[in-house]
C-alpha atoms as a PDB file:
ATOM      1  CA  MET A   1     162.430-108.247-126.109  1.00  0.00           C
ATOM      2  CA  GLN A   2     164.269-107.686-129.766  1.00  0.00           C
ATOM      3  CA  ILE A   3     162.924-109.517-133.794  1.00  0.00           C
ATOM      4  CA  ARG A   4     165.473-110.126-134.925  1.00  0.00           C
ATOM      5  CA  LYS A   5     167.766-112.395-137.485  1.00  0.00           C
ATOM      6  CA  ALA A   6     169.691-115.668-135.837  1.00  0.00           C
ATOM      7  CA  THR A   7     172.121-117.181-137.181  1.00  0.00           C
ATOM      8  CA  GLY A   8     172.440-121.154-137.997  1.00  0.00           C
ATOM      9  CA  GLU A   9     174.694-122.302-135.172  1.00  0.00           C
ATOM     10  CA  GLU A  10     172.052-120.163-132.723  1.00  0.00           C
ATOM     11  CA  MET A  11     169.271-122.501-134.762  1.00  0.00           C
ATOM     12  CA  LEU A  12     171.493-125.387-133.395  1.00  0.00           C
ATOM     13  CA  ALA A  13     171.714-124.230-129.728  1.00  0.00           C
ATOM     14  CA  LEU A  14     168.236-123.387-129.849  1.00  0.00           C
ATOM     15  CA  TRP A  15     166.894-127.520-130.955  1.00  0.00           C
ATOM     16  CA  GLY A  16     169.348-128.855-128.529  1.00  0.00           C
ATOM     17  CA  TYR A  17     172.306-129.587-130.737  1.00  0.00           C
ATOM     18  CA  PRO A  18     175.986-129.034-130.051  1.00  0.00           C
ATOM     19  CA  ASP A  19     177.109-128.848-133.521  1.00  0.00           C
ATOM     20  CA  GLU A  20     175.968-130.087-136.947  1.00  0.00           C
ATOM     21  CA  ALA A  21     177.988-133.256-136.820  1.00  0.00           C
ATOM     22  CA  ALA A  22     175.085-134.059-133.426  1.00  0.00           C
ATOM     23  CA  ALA A  23     172.486-132.658-135.786  1.00  0.00           C
ATOM     24  CA  SER A  24     169.068-134.783-137.272  1.00  0.00           C
ATOM     25  CA  PRO A  25     168.866-135.030-141.001  1.00  0.00           C
ATOM     26  CA  THR A  26     166.028-131.753-140.518  1.00  0.00           C
ATOM     27  CA  ALA A  27     167.865-129.608-138.514  1.00  0.00           C
ATOM     28  CA  LYS A  28     170.816-130.161-141.173  1.00  0.00           C
ATOM     29  CA  PHE A  29     168.983-128.969-143.621  1.00  0.00           C
ATOM     30  CA  TYR A  30     167.929-125.903-141.889  1.00  0.00           C
ATOM     31  CA  TYR A  31     171.060-125.333-140.576  1.00  0.00           C
ATOM     32  CA  ARG A  32     172.756-125.611-144.234  1.00  0.00           C
ATOM     33  CA  ASN A  33     169.793-123.580-145.971  1.00  0.00           C
ATOM     34  CA  ILE A  34     170.538-120.420-143.224  1.00  0.00           C
ATOM     35  CA  ARG A  35     174.212-120.638-143.626  1.00  0.00           C
ATOM     36  CA  SER A  36     173.342-120.322-147.333  1.00  0.00           C
ATOM     37  CA  GLY A  37     171.658-117.859-147.531  1.00  0.00           C
ATOM     38  CA  ASN A  38     168.612-119.523-148.829  1.00  0.00           C
ATOM     39  CA  ALA A  39     166.669-119.902-145.533  1.00  0.00           C
ATOM     40  CA  VAL A  40     166.234-117.040-143.346  1.00  0.00           C
ATOM     41  CA  PHE A  41     166.093-117.718-139.457  1.00  0.00           C
ATOM     42  CA  TRP A  42     163.933-115.225-137.732  1.00  0.00           C
ATOM     43  CA  THR A  43     163.315-114.767-133.555  1.00  0.00           C
ATOM     44  CA  VAL A  44     162.790-113.286-130.348  1.00  0.00           C
ATOM     45  CA  ASP A  45     165.809-112.105-127.712  1.00  0.00           C
ATOM     46  CA  ASP A  46     164.671-111.738-124.850  1.00  0.00           C
ATOM     47  CA  SER A  47     167.983-110.732-123.529  1.00  0.00           C
ATOM     48  CA  GLY A  48     169.896-113.002-124.821  1.00  0.00           C
ATOM     49  CA  GLU A  49     167.228-116.385-124.703  1.00  0.00           C
ATOM     50  CA  LEU A  50     165.337-117.133-128.081  1.00  0.00           C
ATOM     51  CA  ILE A  51     161.838-117.419-127.283  1.00  0.00           C
ATOM     52  CA  GLY A  52     160.466-117.748-130.898  1.00  0.00           C
ATOM     53  CA  GLU A  53     161.157-118.340-134.204  1.00  0.00           C
ATOM     54  CA  LEU A  54     160.195-118.624-138.172  1.00  0.00           C
ATOM     55  CA  TYR A  55     162.374-119.784-140.815  1.00  0.00           C
ATOM     56  CA  ALA A  56     161.606-118.013-144.447  1.00  0.00           C
ATOM     57  CA  PHE A  57     162.325-120.399-146.761  1.00  0.00           C
ATOM     58  CA  LEU A  58     163.837-118.865-150.334  1.00  0.00           C
ATOM     59  CA  ASP A  59     164.073-121.641-152.524  1.00  0.00           C
ATOM     60  CA  LEU A  60     162.876-125.618-152.290  1.00  0.00           C
ATOM     61  CA  ASP A  61     162.741-128.059-154.960  1.00  0.00           C
ATOM     62  CA  ASP A  62     158.610-127.955-154.665  1.00  0.00           C
ATOM     63  CA  ARG A  63     158.295-124.778-156.681  1.00  0.00           C
ATOM     64  CA  ASP A  64     154.413-124.484-155.087  1.00  0.00           C
ATOM     65  CA  PHE A  65     156.734-123.420-151.854  1.00  0.00           C
ATOM     66  CA  ALA A  66     158.814-121.553-153.166  1.00  0.00           C
ATOM     67  CA  ASP A  67     160.662-120.925-156.337  1.00  0.00           C
ATOM     68  CA  GLY A  68     163.294-118.553-155.519  1.00  0.00           C
ATOM     69  CA  GLU A  69     162.088-115.923-157.390  1.00  0.00           C
ATOM     70  CA  SER A  70     158.284-114.850-156.560  1.00  0.00           C
ATOM     71  CA  THR A  71     157.210-117.204-153.588  1.00  0.00           C
ATOM     72  CA  ALA A  72     158.564-118.138-150.317  1.00  0.00           C
ATOM     73  CA  TYR A  73     158.003-120.587-147.483  1.00  0.00           C
ATOM     74  CA  LEU A  74     157.308-119.803-143.808  1.00  0.00           C
ATOM     75  CA  CYS A  75     157.516-122.497-141.504  1.00  0.00           C
ATOM     76  CA  ALA A  76     158.589-123.689-137.955  1.00  0.00           C
ATOM     77  CA  PHE A  77     156.450-120.451-136.379  1.00  0.00           C
ATOM     78  CA  ARG A  78     156.400-120.972-132.615  1.00  0.00           C
ATOM     79  CA  VAL A  79     156.889-118.464-129.440  1.00  0.00           C
ATOM     80  CA  LYS A  80     157.730-120.474-126.211  1.00  0.00           C
ATOM     81  CA  GLU A  81     154.663-121.139-123.727  1.00  0.00           C
ATOM     82  CA  GLY A  82     154.585-118.543-121.254  1.00  0.00           C
ATOM     83  CA  TYR A  83     155.445-115.731-123.821  1.00  0.00           C
ATOM     84  CA  ARG A  84     151.971-116.184-126.055  1.00  0.00           C
ATOM     85  CA  GLY A  85     149.417-113.942-126.393  1.00  0.00           C
ATOM     86  CA  GLN A  86     151.707-110.624-126.106  1.00  0.00           C
ATOM     87  CA  GLY A  87     151.668-110.244-129.731  1.00  0.00           C
ATOM     88  CA  LEU A  88     155.406-110.983-130.304  1.00  0.00           C
ATOM     89  CA  GLY A  89     154.447-113.723-133.021  1.00  0.00           C
ATOM     90  CA  SER A  90     152.807-111.150-135.418  1.00  0.00           C
ATOM     91  CA  GLN A  91     155.782-108.768-134.306  1.00  0.00           C
ATOM     92  CA  MET A  92     158.015-112.186-135.824  1.00  0.00           C
ATOM     93  CA  MET A  93     155.745-113.046-138.947  1.00  0.00           C
ATOM     94  CA  ASN A  94     155.070-108.930-139.548  1.00  0.00           C
ATOM     95  CA  ALA A  95     158.872-108.397-140.150  1.00  0.00           C
ATOM     96  CA  ALA A  96     159.452-112.197-141.590  1.00  0.00           C
ATOM     97  CA  LEU A  97     156.873-110.577-144.844  1.00  0.00           C
ATOM     98  CA  ALA A  98     158.249-107.694-144.633  1.00  0.00           C
ATOM     99  CA  ASP A  99     161.496-108.445-145.049  1.00  0.00           C
ATOM    100  CA  LEU A 100     160.286-110.827-148.115  1.00  0.00           C
ATOM    101  CA  LYS A 101     158.592-107.955-149.575  1.00  0.00           C
ATOM    102  CA  GLU A 102     161.961-106.080-149.795  1.00  0.00           C
ATOM    103  CA  ARG A 103     163.330-108.743-151.294  1.00  0.00           C
ATOM    104  CA  GLY A 104     161.158-108.551-154.097  1.00  0.00           C
ATOM    105  CA  PHE A 105     158.811-111.682-153.363  1.00  0.00           C
ATOM    106  CA  ARG A 106     155.166-111.008-154.414  1.00  0.00           C
ATOM    107  CA  THR A 107     153.887-114.581-152.392  1.00  0.00           C
ATOM    108  CA  ALA A 108     154.270-116.289-149.050  1.00  0.00           C
ATOM    109  CA  THR A 109     153.147-119.456-148.070  1.00  0.00           C
ATOM    110  CA  ILE A 110     152.708-121.461-144.877  1.00  0.00           C
ATOM    111  CA  GLY A 111     152.085-125.301-143.982  1.00  0.00           C
ATOM    112  CA  VAL A 112     149.128-126.031-141.357  1.00  0.00           C
ATOM    113  CA  GLY A 113     147.245-129.072-140.712  1.00  0.00           C
ATOM    114  CA  CYS A 114     143.870-129.440-141.358  1.00  0.00           C
ATOM    115  CA  ASP A 115     142.415-130.426-138.213  1.00  0.00           C
ATOM    116  CA  LYS A 116     144.074-127.510-136.378  1.00  0.00           C
ATOM    117  CA  PRO A 117     140.902-125.199-136.905  1.00  0.00           C
ATOM    118  CA  GLN A 118     142.631-122.738-134.380  1.00  0.00           C
ATOM    119  CA  ASN A 119     145.938-122.495-136.511  1.00  0.00           C
ATOM    120  CA  ILE A 120     144.252-121.956-139.311  1.00  0.00           C
ATOM    121  CA  ARG A 121     141.888-118.666-137.755  1.00  0.00           C
ATOM    122  CA  LEU A 122     145.240-117.691-137.039  1.00  0.00           C
ATOM    123  CA  TYR A 123     147.179-117.609-140.167  1.00  0.00           C
ATOM    124  CA  ARG A 124     143.688-116.345-142.278  1.00  0.00           C
ATOM    125  CA  ARG A 125     143.805-113.253-139.360  1.00  0.00           C
ATOM    126  CA  PHE A 126     147.679-113.156-141.030  1.00  0.00           C
ATOM    127  CA  GLY A 127     146.497-112.903-144.278  1.00  0.00           C
ATOM    128  CA  PHE A 128     147.214-116.692-145.446  1.00  0.00           C
ATOM    129  CA  ASP A 129     143.194-116.767-146.869  1.00  0.00           C
ATOM    130  CA  ARG A 130     144.313-118.847-149.972  1.00  0.00           C
ATOM    131  CA  LYS A 131     144.406-122.659-150.147  1.00  0.00           C
ATOM    132  CA  VAL A 132     147.221-123.393-152.284  1.00  0.00           C
ATOM    133  CA  LYS A 133     147.218-128.146-152.390  1.00  0.00           C
ATOM    134  CA  ASP A 134     146.804-130.302-150.226  1.00  0.00           C
ATOM    135  CA  CYS A 135     150.418-131.995-148.641  1.00  0.00           C
ATOM    136  CA  HIS A 136     151.595-135.474-148.076  1.00  0.00           C
ATOM    137  CA  TYR A 137     154.939-134.237-147.994  1.00  0.00           C
ATOM    138  CA  ASP A 138     157.539-131.535-145.809  1.00  0.00           C
ATOM    139  CA  PRO A 139     159.594-130.682-148.235  1.00  0.00           C
ATOM    140  CA  CYS A 140     162.246-129.324-145.067  1.00  0.00           C
ATOM    141  CA  GLY A 141     161.582-132.356-143.466  1.00  0.00           C
ATOM    142  CA  MET A 142     164.222-135.114-143.814  1.00  0.00           C
ATOM    143  CA  ASP A 143     164.845-138.460-143.216  1.00  0.00           C
ATOM    144  CA  GLU A 144     167.863-140.044-142.905  1.00  0.00           C
ATOM    145  CA  ASP A 145     168.376-140.214-146.723  1.00  0.00           C
ATOM    146  CA  GLY A 146     167.781-136.373-147.191  1.00  0.00           C
ATOM    147  CA  ARG A 147     164.850-137.031-148.884  1.00  0.00           C
ATOM    148  CA  SER A 148     161.506-135.188-147.488  1.00  0.00           C
ATOM    149  CA  GLU A 149     159.401-137.633-145.830  1.00  0.00           C
ATOM    150  CA  TYR A 150     156.413-138.773-146.086  1.00  0.00           C
ATOM    151  CA  GLU A 151     153.432-137.688-143.475  1.00  0.00           C
ATOM    152  CA  GLU A 152     149.997-140.224-143.457  1.00  0.00           C
ATOM    153  CA  GLU A 153     147.732-137.020-142.557  1.00  0.00           C
ATOM    154  CA  ALA A 154     147.287-134.350-144.965  1.00  0.00           C
ATOM    155  CA  TRP A 155     147.745-130.830-144.330  1.00  0.00           C
ATOM    156  CA  TRP A 156     147.586-127.904-146.283  1.00  0.00           C
ATOM    157  CA  LEU A 157     149.472-125.449-147.973  1.00  0.00           C
ATOM    158  CA  LEU A 158     148.216-121.864-148.082  1.00  0.00           C
ATOM    159  CA  ALA A 159     149.257-118.768-149.230  1.00  0.00           C
ATOM    160  CA  ARG A 160     148.879-115.008-149.613  1.00  0.00           C
ATOM    161  CA  ASP A 161     149.955-112.219-151.332  1.00  0.00           C
ATOM    162  CA  LEU A 162     152.758-109.912-150.406  1.00  0.00           C
ATOM    163  CA  SER A 163     151.521-106.747-153.028  1.00  0.00           C
ATOM    164  CA  GLU A 164     149.153-105.760-150.275  1.00  0.00           C
ATOM    165  CA  GLU A 165     150.036-102.604-147.973  1.00  0.00           C
ATOM    166  CA  GLN A 166     148.055-104.143-145.042  1.00  0.00           C
ATOM    167  CA  MET A 167     150.224-106.291-143.177  1.00  0.00           C
ATOM    168  CA  CYS A 168     149.356-108.695-140.149  1.00  0.00           C
ATOM    169  CA  SER A 169     147.091-106.274-137.972  1.00  0.00           C
ATOM    170  CA  GLU A 170     145.396-103.503-138.086  1.00  0.00           C
ATOM    171  CA  ASN A 171     148.393-101.810-135.622  1.00  0.00           C
ATOM    172  CA  GLU A 172     151.593-103.674-136.373  1.00  0.00           C
ATOM    173  CA  LYS A 173     152.843-102.364-132.625  1.00  0.00           C
ATOM    174  CA  VAL A 174     150.291-103.328-130.281  1.00  0.00           C
ATOM    175  CA  ARG A 175     150.546-106.196-127.646  1.00  0.00           C
ATOM    176  CA  LEU A 176     149.138-107.437-124.301  1.00  0.00           C
ATOM    177  CA  VAL A 177     152.186-107.109-121.516  1.00  0.00           C
ATOM    178  CA  LYS A 178     151.481-109.324-118.186  1.00  0.00           C
ATOM    179  CA  ILE A 179     151.108-106.541-115.128  1.00  0.00           C
ATOM    180  CA  ASP A 180     153.834-106.307-112.760  1.00  0.00           C
ATOM    181  CA  THR A 181     155.373-103.738-110.399  1.00  0.00           C
ATOM    182  CA  ASP A 182     157.405-102.816-112.890  1.00  0.00           C
ATOM    183  CA  ASN A 183     154.464-101.587-114.928  1.00  0.00           C
ATOM    184  CA  PHE A 184     151.448-101.128-112.963  1.00  0.00           C
ATOM    185  CA  ASP A 185     151.636 -97.779-111.861  1.00  0.00           C
ATOM    186  CA  ASP A 186     151.054 -96.512-115.705  1.00  0.00           C
ATOM    187  CA  LEU A 187     148.077 -98.870-115.977  1.00  0.00           C
ATOM    188  CA  ILE A 188     146.364 -97.117-113.127  1.00  0.00           C
ATOM    189  CA  GLU A 189     146.092 -94.165-114.236  1.00  0.00           C
ATOM    190  CA  LEU A 190     144.730 -94.602-117.780  1.00  0.00           C
ATOM    191  CA  SER A 191     141.099 -94.543-117.585  1.00  0.00           C
ATOM    192  CA  VAL A 192     137.791 -93.843-119.683  1.00  0.00           C
ATOM    193  CA  THR A 193     135.182 -91.310-120.781  1.00  0.00           C
ATOM    194  CA  ASP A 194     132.569 -90.258-118.039  1.00  0.00           C
ATOM    195  CA  PRO A 195     129.990 -91.523-119.617  1.00  0.00           C
ATOM    196  CA  GLN A 196     132.086 -94.945-119.719  1.00  0.00           C
ATOM    197  CA  LYS A 197     132.702 -95.284-116.255  1.00  0.00           C
ATOM    198  CA  ASP A 198     129.083 -96.704-115.550  1.00  0.00           C
ATOM    199  CA  PHE A 199     130.114 -99.403-118.133  1.00  0.00           C
ATOM    200  CA  VAL A 200     133.627-100.788-116.895  1.00  0.00           C
ATOM    201  CA  ALA A 201     135.358-101.054-113.348  1.00  0.00           C
ATOM    202  CA  SER A 202     138.474 -98.720-112.923  1.00  0.00           C
ATOM    203  CA  ASN A 203     142.055-101.005-113.210  1.00  0.00           C
ATOM    204  CA  VAL A 204     142.390-100.528-109.598  1.00  0.00           C
ATOM    205  CA  TYR A 205     139.500-102.158-108.680  1.00  0.00           C
ATOM    206  CA  SER A 206     140.694-104.788-111.130  1.00  0.00           C
ATOM    207  CA  LEU A 207     143.724-105.431-110.444  1.00  0.00           C
ATOM    208  CA  ALA A 208     142.185-106.665-106.440  1.00  0.00           C
ATOM    209  CA  GLU A 209     140.129-108.411-107.309  1.00  0.00           C
ATOM    210  CA  ALA A 210     142.675-110.620-109.460  1.00  0.00           C
ATOM    211  CA  TYR A 211     144.194-110.676-106.558  1.00  0.00           C
ATOM    212  CA  ALA A 212     141.758-112.504-104.765  1.00  0.00           C
ATOM    213  CA  THR A 213     140.229-114.747-107.363  1.00  0.00           C
ATOM    214  CA  ASN A 214     143.673-115.921-107.803  1.00  0.00           C
ATOM    215  CA  ALA A 215     143.884-116.274-103.723  1.00  0.00           C
ATOM    216  CA  GLU A 216     140.087-118.586-103.877  1.00  0.00           C
ATOM    217  CA  GLY A 217     142.520-120.974-106.576  1.00  0.00           C
ATOM    218  CA  ASN A 218     140.956-119.548-109.529  1.00  0.00           C
ATOM    219  CA  PHE A 219     142.696-117.859-112.305  1.00  0.00           C
ATOM    220  CA  ALA A 220     142.535-114.255-113.318  1.00  0.00           C
ATOM    221  CA  GLN A 221     145.168-112.827-115.855  1.00  0.00           C
ATOM    222  CA  PRO A 222     145.586-109.032-116.163  1.00  0.00           C
ATOM    223  CA  PHE A 223     147.329-107.940-119.121  1.00  0.00           C
ATOM    224  CA  GLY A 224     148.402-104.110-120.303  1.00  0.00           C
ATOM    225  CA  ILE A 225     147.550-102.617-123.514  1.00  0.00           C
ATOM    226  CA  TYR A 226     150.373-101.685-125.094  1.00  0.00           C
ATOM    227  CA  ALA A 227     151.009 -99.338-128.831  1.00  0.00           C
ATOM    228  CA  GLY A 228     154.850 -99.714-129.360  1.00  0.00           C
ATOM    229  CA  GLU A 229     155.884 -99.098-125.449  1.00  0.00           C
ATOM    230  CA  LYS A 230     152.985 -96.739-124.428  1.00  0.00           C
ATOM    231  CA  PRO A 231     149.990 -98.106-122.302  1.00  0.00           C
ATOM    232  CA  VAL A 232     146.935 -97.525-124.181  1.00  0.00           C
ATOM    233  CA  GLY A 233     144.564-100.115-122.160  1.00  0.00           C
ATOM    234  CA  PHE A 234     143.561-102.233-119.555  1.00  0.00           C
ATOM    235  CA  LEU A 235     141.546-105.748-120.176  1.00  0.00           C
ATOM    236  CA  MET A 236     142.367-109.371-117.295  1.00  0.00           C
ATOM    237  CA  ILE A 237     140.475-112.824-118.548  1.00  0.00           C
ATOM    238  CA  GLY A 238     139.271-115.363-115.797  1.00  0.00           C
ATOM    239  CA  TYR A 239     138.703-119.014-115.082  1.00  0.00           C
ATOM    240  CA  PHE A 240     136.722-120.214-112.581  1.00  0.00           C
ATOM    241  CA  HIS A 241     136.774-124.176-111.529  1.00  0.00           C
ATOM    242  CA  LYS A 242     133.521-125.422-110.566  1.00  0.00           C
ATOM    243  CA  PRO A 243     133.200-125.851-106.851  1.00  0.00           C
ATOM    244  CA  ASP A 244     133.233-129.052-105.418  1.00  0.00           C
ATOM    245  CA  LYS A 245     130.503-128.150-102.758  1.00  0.00           C
ATOM    246  CA  PRO A 246     127.776-125.342-103.571  1.00  0.00           C
ATOM    247  CA  LYS A 247     127.388-122.228-101.616  1.00  0.00           C
ATOM    248  CA  ASP A 248     123.497-122.774-100.757  1.00  0.00           C
ATOM    249  CA  ASP A 249     121.438-122.803-103.713  1.00  0.00           C
ATOM    250  CA  GLU A 250     123.798-120.675-106.602  1.00  0.00           C
ATOM    251  CA  GLU A 251     125.386-123.529-107.962  1.00  0.00           C
ATOM    252  CA  GLU A 252     121.714-124.023-109.227  1.00  0.00           C
ATOM    253  CA  GLU A 253     120.834-120.845-110.723  1.00  0.00           C
ATOM    254  CA  THR A 254     124.229-120.347-112.496  1.00  0.00           C
ATOM    255  CA  PRO A 255     124.777-120.909-115.698  1.00  0.00           C
ATOM    256  CA  ASP A 256     126.923-124.059-116.843  1.00  0.00           C
ATOM    257  CA  TYR A 257     129.423-121.642-119.134  1.00  0.00           C
ATOM    258  CA  VAL A 258     130.422-119.957-116.275  1.00  0.00           C
ATOM    259  CA  HIS A 259     132.896-122.587-114.678  1.00  0.00           C
ATOM    260  CA  GLU A 260     135.180-124.257-116.427  1.00  0.00           C
ATOM    261  CA  ASN A 261     135.560-121.736-119.525  1.00  0.00           C
ATOM    262  CA  TYR A 262     137.039-118.058-120.058  1.00  0.00           C
ATOM    263  CA  LEU A 263     135.886-114.920-119.193  1.00  0.00           C
ATOM    264  CA  PHE A 264     136.991-111.897-121.201  1.00  0.00           C
ATOM    265  CA  TRP A 265     136.437-110.259-117.803  1.00  0.00           C
ATOM    266  CA  ARG A 266     137.690-106.158-118.125  1.00  0.00           C
ATOM    267  CA  PHE A 267     138.293-104.286-121.290  1.00  0.00           C
ATOM    268  CA  MET A 268     138.908-100.702-121.403  1.00  0.00           C
ATOM    269  CA  ILE A 269     141.230 -98.481-123.376  1.00  0.00           C
ATOM    270  CA  ASP A 270     141.905 -95.121-121.951  1.00  0.00           C
ATOM    271  CA  LYS A 271     139.881 -92.062-123.038  1.00  0.00           C
ATOM    272  CA  GLU A 272     143.048 -90.695-124.743  1.00  0.00           C
ATOM    273  CA  HIS A 273     143.790 -93.498-127.184  1.00  0.00           C
ATOM    274  CA  GLN A 274     139.780 -93.930-128.238  1.00  0.00           C
ATOM    275  CA  GLN A 275     139.343 -94.485-132.140  1.00  0.00           C
ATOM    276  CA  LYS A 276     142.876 -95.563-133.456  1.00  0.00           C
ATOM    277  CA  GLY A 277     141.882 -99.446-133.544  1.00  0.00           C
ATOM    278  CA  TYR A 278     143.719-100.577-130.622  1.00  0.00           C
ATOM    279  CA  GLY A 279     140.656-102.032-129.124  1.00  0.00           C
ATOM    280  CA  ARG A 280     140.053-104.526-131.959  1.00  0.00           C
ATOM    281  CA  GLU A 281     143.542-105.005-132.101  1.00  0.00           C
ATOM    282  CA  ALA A 282     143.548-106.071-128.588  1.00  0.00           C
ATOM    283  CA  MET A 283     140.886-108.011-128.309  1.00  0.00           C
ATOM    284  CA  LYS A 284     142.202-110.940-131.170  1.00  0.00           C
ATOM    285  CA  LEU A 285     145.410-111.005-128.716  1.00  0.00           C
ATOM    286  CA  ALA A 286     143.065-111.774-125.769  1.00  0.00           C
ATOM    287  CA  LEU A 287     141.697-114.476-127.755  1.00  0.00           C
ATOM    288  CA  ASP A 288     144.679-116.121-129.638  1.00  0.00           C
ATOM    289  CA  TYR A 289     146.503-115.813-125.932  1.00  0.00           C
ATOM    290  CA  ILE A 290     142.767-117.573-124.493  1.00  0.00           C
ATOM    291  CA  ARG A 291     143.422-120.325-127.691  1.00  0.00           C
ATOM    292  CA  THR A 292     146.635-121.435-125.993  1.00  0.00           C
ATOM    293  CA  PHE A 293     143.856-122.671-122.764  1.00  0.00           C
ATOM    294  CA  PRO A 294     146.531-121.818-119.570  1.00  0.00           C
ATOM    295  CA  CYS A 295     143.864-123.233-117.419  1.00  0.00           C
ATOM    296  CA  GLY A 296     143.144-126.592-119.980  1.00  0.00           C
ATOM    297  CA  GLU A 297     140.617-127.186-123.199  1.00  0.00           C
ATOM    298  CA  ALA A 298     137.709-124.948-122.743  1.00  0.00           C
ATOM    299  CA  GLU A 299     134.605-124.668-125.223  1.00  0.00           C
ATOM    300  CA  TYR A 300     133.411-121.706-125.110  1.00  0.00           C
ATOM    301  CA  CYS A 301     134.663-117.707-123.663  1.00  0.00           C
ATOM    302  CA  TRP A 302     132.395-115.780-122.076  1.00  0.00           C
ATOM    303  CA  LEU A 303     131.601-112.564-121.283  1.00  0.00           C
ATOM    304  CA  SER A 304     129.200-109.809-120.341  1.00  0.00           C
ATOM    305  CA  TYR A 305     128.310-106.068-121.036  1.00  0.00           C
ATOM    306  CA  GLU A 306     125.851-103.616-119.649  1.00  0.00           C
ATOM    307  CA  PRO A 307     122.952-103.251-122.419  1.00  0.00           C
ATOM    308  CA  GLU A 308     122.947 -99.461-122.615  1.00  0.00           C
ATOM    309  CA  ASN A 309     126.305-100.307-124.391  1.00  0.00           C
ATOM    310  CA  GLU A 310     126.112-100.526-127.504  1.00  0.00           C
ATOM    311  CA  VAL A 311     129.693-100.146-128.990  1.00  0.00           C
ATOM    312  CA  ALA A 312     130.818-102.825-126.966  1.00  0.00           C
ATOM    313  CA  ARG A 313     127.756-105.138-127.776  1.00  0.00           C
ATOM    314  CA  LYS A 314     129.073-104.548-132.107  1.00  0.00           C
ATOM    315  CA  LEU A 315     132.602-104.463-131.005  1.00  0.00           C
ATOM    316  CA  TYR A 316     131.927-108.892-130.246  1.00  0.00           C
ATOM    317  CA  ARG A 317     129.381-109.407-131.994  1.00  0.00           C
ATOM    318  CA  SER A 318     131.964-108.607-135.134  1.00  0.00           C
ATOM    319  CA  PHE A 319     134.027-111.269-133.155  1.00  0.00           C
ATOM    320  CA  GLY A 320     131.469-114.039-133.048  1.00  0.00           C
ATOM    321  CA  PHE A 321     130.194-114.244-129.633  1.00  0.00           C
ATOM    322  CA  VAL A 322     126.273-114.460-129.324  1.00  0.00           C
ATOM    323  CA  GLU A 323     124.088-113.943-126.490  1.00  0.00           C
ATOM    324  CA  ALA A 324     123.525-116.533-124.356  1.00  0.00           C
ATOM    325  CA  GLU A 325     119.804-117.700-122.778  1.00  0.00           C
ATOM    326  CA  GLN A 326     120.510-118.360-119.634  1.00  0.00           C
ATOM    327  CA  MET A 327     121.603-115.093-117.658  1.00  0.00           C
ATOM    328  CA  PRO A 328     123.838-115.843-114.266  1.00  0.00           C
ATOM    329  CA  ARG A 329     121.637-115.100-111.262  1.00  0.00           C
ATOM    330  CA  GLY A 330     121.307-111.773-109.780  1.00  0.00           C
ATOM    331  CA  TRP A 331     123.137-110.493-112.447  1.00  0.00           C
ATOM    332  CA  ASP A 332     121.892-106.909-114.822  1.00  0.00           C
ATOM    333  CA  GLU A 333     124.200-107.711-118.020  1.00  0.00           C
ATOM    334  CA  ILE A 334     123.724-109.655-120.520  1.00  0.00           C
ATOM    335  CA  PRO A 335     126.233-112.391-121.505  1.00  0.00           C
ATOM    336  CA  ALA A 336     127.430-113.585-124.801  1.00  0.00           C
ATOM    337  CA  LEU A 337     129.550-116.881-125.822  1.00  0.00           C
ATOM    338  CA  LEU A 338     132.267-117.858-128.392  1.00  0.00           C
ATOM    339  CA  LYS A 339     132.814-120.910-129.383  1.00  0.00           C
ATOM    340  CA  LEU A 340     136.903-121.544-128.712  1.00  0.00           C
END
């Protein structure tokens, strides 16, 4: 994967246009600004396939968005489905913000629907914590007459200060990588400290459990946690469908949140890489992935931890997890829920 700047021609191809003449008014606006140098097209390149995009406009008619000197506008930020939840969007955003800062810009703006709480949380994590104004016009969305299109539903223009030393994340290089035959050997060698082995299953056991879970028609997605190219941890996300026919009286004693919600199932950082902030950043990426709802919409993410594991309790509480009142039958771990 390579984060890089792309050309106007690549943008047209990504949007499905053979050339400028065939492009929509909005696509022509983007293309011409990229060609002129007034817009920068950032992408994620996977061996020649562009699977992400983010555009930085340096100067626009509406000076609250971009003024060509101190403020620039970011828009059309997206990563192709199937590549989300791996930190690629964060890396692309980091690259764009670093480039703007190097050019001398002091503020970056971005638009978000005020009815999109997931996107608002995401952009706030990126540092866009100041609302500039309500908007009804997209300065980069053009009608047939070349004018900005009016939108009935208002949306927000958010801003962040580029003078801050910290960019989008505490650990810019942390990413999640789906486990396959190329990397599972490295990941099964990771281990926690001896006292921590009472709190988490081995990665070998987790991978076997993922295989069995998927074979039964439920969902388990294991990830390697990487810092750059180095594997530093492991996590696994689960999702269990509600069975058509309960087994004996089991379902009567199973809390509702166990089914049709996402389970933050396993989580470990290798003993050689703890206390470096990797766990917290991986947790953010995992929740970003869960909020793409790979198995469909859900109300909660849930997890559980041993009562003695105070480190886990404090970490999960800091992300908003609240201990559940009802515990699955036969469990001695403490369940906790996060409203998605």
